[in-house]
């Protein structure tokens, strides 16, 4: 089965009311022959179809109805769960290499926290970078524990390159 055929199969409505997102995805997939990801991206842009948005909507709906587990979704190489675990391990290595710049906390600066989670971060010359992780991963981070995390400085995923600034100075 070719990739677009798999997507067609996965997006078949399971109930009568599942039509809008499913039909939009199927309409698109039926009109294109699978010739590679870049070709699909080109066709979606030319046809004004936001395939990523449609797929994300379909995934959200399937997740809400307990028909899929998001962490099991794969790019054929890794599942989301594997990628998040790899990110956790890599961030733990970075934080553990710079323990005087890193910290972990059970609380945000305002005292709140997501259930079953903690926050861990590292202060770089260009600003803080942090992630939330599940409590099972606490022991991976052998860094000082703070009562509260510093106030969030607004960093976003695009600011990941802040981590490179750690290499420009001596610990």
Protein backbone atom coordinates (compact mmCIF):
# COMPACT_ATOMS: atom_id res chain seq x y z
CA UNK A 1 0.00 0.00 0.00
CA UNK A 2 1.41 3.39 -0.98
CA UNK A 3 1.59 6.17 1.67
CA UNK A 4 -1.34 8.17 0.31
CA UNK A 5 -3.45 4.98 0.24
CA UNK A 6 -2.62 4.39 3.91
CA UNK A 7 -3.72 7.94 4.72
CA UNK A 8 -6.94 7.40 2.78
CA UNK A 9 -7.61 4.26 4.76
CA UNK A 10 -6.82 5.97 8.07
CA UNK A 11 -9.06 8.94 7.29
CA UNK A 12 -12.19 6.98 6.35
CA UNK A 13 -15.00 8.24 8.57
CA UNK A 14 -15.91 5.81 11.33
CA UNK A 15 -19.18 7.56 12.11
CA UNK A 16 -21.68 9.46 9.99
CA UNK A 17 -20.84 12.84 11.58
CA UNK A 18 -17.10 12.60 10.72
CA UNK A 19 -17.23 14.30 7.38
CA UNK A 20 -15.67 17.76 7.05
CA UNK A 21 -12.04 17.03 7.91
CA UNK A 22 -12.17 13.52 6.53
CA UNK A 23 -13.62 14.63 3.20
CA UNK A 24 -11.10 17.45 2.84
CA UNK A 25 -8.19 15.07 3.39
CA UNK A 26 -9.65 12.41 1.12
CA UNK A 27 -10.40 14.96 -1.63
CA UNK A 28 -6.80 16.03 -1.61
CA UNK A 29 -5.31 12.55 -1.37
CA UNK A 30 -7.47 11.26 -4.21
CA UNK A 31 -6.22 13.99 -6.52
CA UNK A 32 -2.50 13.34 -6.11
CA UNK A 33 -0.28 10.45 -7.02
CA UNK A 34 2.34 9.80 -4.39
CA UNK A 35 5.63 11.14 -5.77
CA UNK A 36 7.33 12.30 -2.59
CA UNK A 37 6.83 14.68 0.29
CA UNK A 38 8.10 17.79 -1.52
CA UNK A 39 5.69 17.17 -4.40
CA UNK A 40 2.79 16.79 -1.97
CA UNK A 41 3.78 20.04 -0.26
CA UNK A 42 3.92 21.81 -3.63
CA UNK A 43 0.51 20.50 -4.64
CA UNK A 44 -1.11 21.47 -1.34
CA UNK A 45 0.21 25.02 -1.62
CA UNK A 46 -0.90 25.34 -5.24
CA UNK A 47 -4.39 24.05 -4.45
CA UNK A 48 -4.74 26.21 -1.35
CA UNK A 49 -5.10 23.16 0.88
CA UNK A 50 -3.58 23.24 4.33
CA UNK A 51 -2.85 19.52 4.51
CA UNK A 52 -0.90 19.79 7.76
CA UNK A 53 -3.75 21.69 9.37
CA UNK A 54 -6.30 19.16 8.09
CA UNK A 55 -4.22 16.23 9.32
CA UNK A 56 -3.67 17.87 12.71
CA UNK A 57 -7.41 18.42 13.00
CA UNK A 58 -8.09 14.79 12.12
CA UNK A 59 -5.51 13.60 14.65
CA UNK A 60 -6.98 15.86 17.35
CA UNK A 61 -10.46 14.51 16.66
CA UNK A 62 -9.32 10.87 16.66
CA UNK A 63 -7.40 11.46 19.92
CA UNK A 64 -10.45 13.06 21.58
CA UNK A 65 -12.48 9.98 20.65
CA UNK A 66 -9.76 7.65 21.99
CA UNK A 67 -9.24 6.12 18.56
CA UNK A 68 -5.49 6.82 18.45
CA UNK A 69 -2.61 7.49 20.82
CA UNK A 70 -0.69 10.51 19.56
CA UNK A 71 2.62 9.13 20.86
CA UNK A 72 2.28 6.14 18.53
CA UNK A 73 2.17 8.32 15.39
CA UNK A 74 5.32 7.87 13.35
CA UNK A 75 7.18 9.39 10.43
CA UNK A 76 8.12 5.77 9.62
CA UNK A 77 11.42 6.20 11.47
CA UNK A 78 10.42 7.28 15.00
CA UNK A 79 7.21 7.67 16.96
CA UNK A 80 6.37 10.92 18.74
CA UNK A 81 7.01 9.13 22.04
CA UNK A 82 10.51 8.08 20.89
CA UNK A 83 11.33 11.61 19.74
CA UNK A 84 10.17 13.13 23.04
CA UNK A 85 12.24 10.57 24.95
CA UNK A 86 15.30 11.38 22.81
CA UNK A 87 14.77 15.10 23.42
CA UNK A 88 14.57 14.46 27.16
CA UNK A 89 17.79 12.43 27.18
CA UNK A 90 19.66 14.99 25.08
CA UNK A 91 18.47 17.88 27.26
CA UNK A 92 19.47 15.91 30.37
CA UNK A 93 22.98 15.52 28.95
CA UNK A 94 23.21 19.26 28.28
CA UNK A 95 21.91 20.20 31.73
CA UNK A 96 24.13 17.65 33.48
CA UNK A 97 27.20 18.99 31.62
CA UNK A 98 26.42 22.50 32.93
CA UNK A 99 25.02 21.81 36.42
CA UNK A 100 25.84 25.30 37.75
CA UNK A 101 23.67 26.82 35.01
CA UNK A 102 20.82 24.29 35.15
CA UNK A 103 17.97 23.80 37.61
CA UNK A 104 14.80 21.78 38.10
CA UNK A 105 11.65 22.56 40.04
CA UNK A 106 8.29 21.13 40.97
CA UNK A 107 6.76 24.62 40.61
CA UNK A 108 6.59 27.44 38.10
CA UNK A 109 7.54 30.89 39.38
CA UNK A 110 3.90 31.46 40.42
CA UNK A 111 3.72 28.17 42.35
CA UNK A 112 1.63 26.27 39.79
CA UNK A 113 2.59 23.10 37.90
CA UNK A 114 0.94 20.66 35.51
CA UNK A 115 -0.19 17.48 37.22
CA UNK A 116 2.54 14.83 37.41
CA UNK A 117 5.17 17.08 35.83
CA UNK A 118 8.17 19.22 36.68
CA UNK A 119 10.13 21.89 34.84
CA UNK A 120 13.85 21.83 34.09
CA UNK A 121 15.86 24.60 32.51
CA UNK A 122 19.27 26.00 31.79
CA UNK A 123 20.41 29.62 31.87
CA UNK A 124 22.45 30.48 28.78
CA UNK A 125 24.18 33.74 27.87
CA UNK A 126 21.24 34.38 25.51
CA UNK A 127 18.51 33.54 28.02
CA UNK A 128 16.80 30.60 29.66
CA UNK A 129 15.61 27.48 27.87
CA UNK A 130 13.33 24.99 29.61
CA UNK A 131 11.06 21.99 29.16
CA UNK A 132 8.35 20.26 31.17
CA UNK A 133 8.80 16.56 31.81
CA UNK A 134 6.92 13.81 33.60
CA UNK A 135 8.01 12.99 37.15
CA UNK A 136 9.43 9.61 36.04
CA UNK A 137 12.22 11.56 34.33
CA UNK A 138 13.20 13.61 37.41
CA UNK A 139 16.27 11.54 38.27
CA UNK A 140 17.76 11.97 34.78
CA UNK A 141 18.54 15.59 35.67
CA UNK A 142 21.29 15.70 38.30
CA UNK A 143 21.07 19.47 38.71
CA UNK A 144 20.12 21.68 41.66
CA UNK A 145 16.48 21.60 42.71
CA UNK A 146 14.89 25.01 43.14
CA UNK A 147 11.75 25.73 45.14
CA UNK A 148 10.38 27.65 42.12
CA UNK A 149 11.49 28.01 38.54
CA UNK A 150 12.58 31.47 37.41
CA UNK A 151 9.93 33.58 35.75
CA UNK A 152 9.41 32.53 32.12
CA UNK A 153 11.24 34.91 29.80
CA UNK A 154 8.97 34.17 26.84
CA UNK A 155 11.29 31.72 25.08
CA UNK A 156 9.72 29.61 22.35
CA UNK A 157 10.82 26.52 20.37
CA UNK A 158 12.50 28.77 17.78
CA UNK A 159 14.87 29.93 20.56
CA UNK A 160 16.47 26.47 20.83
CA UNK A 161 19.66 27.94 19.34
CA UNK A 162 20.22 29.66 22.71
CA UNK A 163 21.77 26.36 23.77
CA UNK A 164 24.68 26.90 21.37
CA UNK A 165 25.70 29.96 23.37
CA UNK A 166 26.72 27.59 26.19
CA UNK A 167 29.64 26.51 24.02
CA UNK A 168 30.95 30.07 23.67
CA UNK A 169 31.87 30.40 27.32
CA UNK A 170 33.63 28.32 29.89
CA UNK A 171 31.60 26.68 32.64
